[in-house]
Amino acid sequence: MTEAVTEVIHLDIPSRLDLLGLLDRMTMLICERAGFDEDASTQVTLAAIEAGTNAIQHGSRGRPDRVVGVDFALWPDRLEIAVRDRGPGFDPALVSGDITSPEHLLDSRGRGIFIMRACMDTVDFRFDGTGTTCLLVKRRPAAG
């Protein structure tokens, strides 16, 4: 039997950093719906904000006429958040270094992917020629 997604919620926001509060609130509401506790909700929200920030700053180059799309898919065992932009993509290997090493401790940028990976169970990037998708996955707590 194939597992079925129980809900998909889609959000489009113009590529403006001042609108990340919408993503923050939507993510918190969905985390509540998924049954996450406060710590897990904070982790998921932080990761979603980081992905949204990257999509706006790097994928959309801060152009407000471009849209960042976010899909929240609530599965029986997990929450998946797909953050999409129309940017050209990047090579994840070039940004996956150890940001905790002494030579990077004072860097003002470059921590987003590290933070996402620390907060989520899975972080994956997909590049399809029309843009970039960052897929964030967090397992839901067991019903009990």
Protein backbone atom coordinates (compact mmCIF):
# COMPACT_ATOMS: atom_id res chain seq x y z
CA MET A 1 0.00 0.00 0.00
CA THR A 2 1.35 3.42 -0.94
CA GLU A 3 1.59 6.00 1.81
CA ALA A 4 -0.54 9.06 1.15
CA VAL A 5 0.22 12.65 1.95
CA THR A 6 -2.47 13.96 4.28
CA GLU A 7 -2.17 17.65 3.43
CA VAL A 8 -0.25 19.94 1.10
CA ILE A 9 -0.23 23.67 1.73
CA HIS A 10 1.33 25.99 -0.81
CA LEU A 11 2.65 29.49 -0.16
CA ASP A 12 4.06 31.93 -2.72
CA ILE A 13 5.87 35.01 -1.45
CA PRO A 14 7.58 37.81 -3.36
CA SER A 15 11.36 37.69 -2.96
CA ARG A 16 11.53 40.19 -0.12
CA LEU A 17 13.29 39.51 3.17
CA ASP A 18 10.67 41.55 5.06
CA LEU A 19 8.08 38.89 4.13
CA LEU A 20 9.95 36.04 5.83
CA GLY A 21 7.68 36.62 8.85
CA LEU A 22 4.86 35.06 6.79
CA LEU A 23 6.95 31.96 6.24
CA ASP A 24 7.83 31.91 9.94
CA ARG A 25 4.17 32.04 11.05
CA MET A 26 2.98 29.52 8.47
CA THR A 27 5.73 27.09 9.45
CA MET A 28 4.90 27.40 13.16
CA LEU A 29 1.21 26.72 12.49
CA ILE A 30 2.02 23.66 10.43
CA CYS A 31 4.44 22.39 13.08
CA GLU A 32 1.61 22.63 15.65
CA ARG A 33 -0.66 20.72 13.28
CA ALA A 34 2.05 18.06 12.84
CA GLY A 35 2.34 17.58 16.61
CA PHE A 36 5.88 18.87 17.02
CA ASP A 37 6.93 20.07 20.45
CA GLU A 38 8.36 23.56 20.97
CA ASP A 39 11.98 22.51 20.36
CA ALA A 40 11.22 20.65 17.13
CA SER A 41 8.96 23.49 15.95
CA THR A 42 11.77 25.98 16.54
CA GLN A 43 14.21 23.79 14.59
CA VAL A 44 11.86 23.37 11.65
CA THR A 45 11.01 27.07 11.57
CA LEU A 46 14.67 28.08 11.72
CA ALA A 47 15.49 25.74 8.83
CA ALA A 48 12.56 27.03 6.75
CA ILE A 49 13.61 30.65 7.34
CA GLU A 50 17.19 29.82 6.33
CA ALA A 51 15.97 28.12 3.14
CA GLY A 52 13.69 31.06 2.39
CA THR A 53 16.48 33.55 3.01
CA ASN A 54 18.78 31.65 0.64
CA ALA A 55 16.05 31.48 -2.02
CA ILE A 56 15.48 35.23 -1.80
CA GLN A 57 19.10 36.37 -1.56
CA HIS A 58 20.81 33.86 -3.84
CA GLY A 59 18.15 32.25 -6.03
CA SER A 60 16.07 35.35 -6.71
CA ARG A 61 18.95 37.77 -6.19
CA GLY A 62 16.63 39.85 -4.00
CA ARG A 63 14.39 40.76 -6.96
CA PRO A 64 10.88 41.29 -5.52
CA ASP A 65 9.32 40.56 -8.91
CA ARG A 66 10.40 36.94 -8.49
CA VAL A 67 8.45 34.52 -6.35
CA VAL A 68 9.67 31.97 -3.81
CA GLY A 69 7.33 29.01 -3.60
CA VAL A 70 6.99 26.89 -0.47
CA ASP A 71 5.11 23.59 -0.25
CA PHE A 72 4.41 22.03 3.13
CA ALA A 73 3.53 18.32 2.77
CA LEU A 74 2.27 16.63 5.89
CA TRP A 75 2.79 12.86 5.70
CA PRO A 76 1.79 10.40 8.41
CA ASP A 77 5.42 10.08 9.54
CA ARG A 78 7.08 13.35 8.48
CA LEU A 79 6.80 16.96 7.39
CA GLU A 80 8.40 17.92 4.10
CA ILE A 81 9.03 21.55 3.21
CA ALA A 82 10.07 22.31 -0.37
CA VAL A 83 11.40 25.83 -0.93
CA ARG A 84 11.72 26.75 -4.61
CA ASP A 85 13.27 29.62 -6.50
CA ARG A 86 14.10 30.29 -10.15
CA GLY A 87 17.81 30.77 -9.55
CA PRO A 88 20.58 28.96 -11.42
CA GLY A 89 21.54 26.77 -8.48
CA PHE A 90 24.91 26.16 -6.91
CA ASP A 91 27.35 23.39 -6.13
CA PRO A 92 26.54 22.16 -2.60
CA ALA A 93 30.08 20.75 -2.30
CA LEU A 94 31.46 24.30 -2.43
CA VAL A 95 29.40 25.42 0.59
CA SER A 96 29.54 22.30 2.71
CA GLY A 97 32.84 22.97 4.44
CA ASP A 98 33.23 22.99 8.21
CA ILE A 99 31.98 26.40 9.27
CA THR A 100 33.04 25.65 12.85
CA SER A 101 36.71 25.52 11.91
CA PRO A 102 38.83 28.39 13.30
CA GLU A 103 39.31 30.06 9.91
CA HIS A 104 35.51 30.35 9.45
CA LEU A 105 34.37 31.29 12.96
CA LEU A 106 34.19 35.00 12.19
CA ASP A 107 32.63 34.68 8.74
CA SER A 108 29.50 36.82 8.48
CA ARG A 109 27.80 34.48 5.97
CA GLY A 110 27.70 30.83 4.98
CA ARG A 111 25.95 29.21 7.92
CA GLY A 112 22.50 28.62 6.41
CA ILE A 113 23.01 25.11 5.03
CA PHE A 114 24.86 24.09 8.20
CA ILE A 115 21.94 25.33 10.32
CA MET A 116 19.37 23.57 8.12
CA ARG A 117 21.26 20.28 8.36
CA ALA A 118 21.60 20.63 12.14
CA CYS A 119 17.86 21.25 12.56
CA MET A 120 16.33 18.78 10.11
CA ASP A 121 16.52 15.03 9.56
CA THR A 122 17.22 15.48 5.86
CA VAL A 123 18.21 18.43 3.68
CA ASP A 124 18.41 17.88 -0.07
CA PHE A 125 18.94 20.22 -3.03
CA ARG A 126 17.49 19.63 -6.46
CA PHE A 127 18.37 21.55 -9.61
CA ASP A 128 16.12 21.02 -12.63
CA GLY A 129 17.14 23.72 -15.07
CA THR A 130 14.22 25.98 -14.10
CA GLY A 131 15.36 26.65 -10.56
CA THR A 132 16.46 25.23 -7.25
CA THR A 133 14.44 23.30 -4.68
CA CYS A 134 15.61 22.88 -1.11
CA LEU A 135 13.78 19.94 0.45
CA LEU A 136 13.67 19.90 4.26
CA VAL A 137 12.37 16.80 6.06
CA LYS A 138 11.57 16.34 9.75
CA ARG A 139 10.10 13.12 11.18
CA ARG A 140 6.87 13.58 13.10
CA PRO A 141 6.65 12.42 16.69
CA ALA A 142 5.17 8.97 17.15
CA ALA A 143 1.52 9.01 18.08
CA GLY A 144 1.09 7.85 21.58
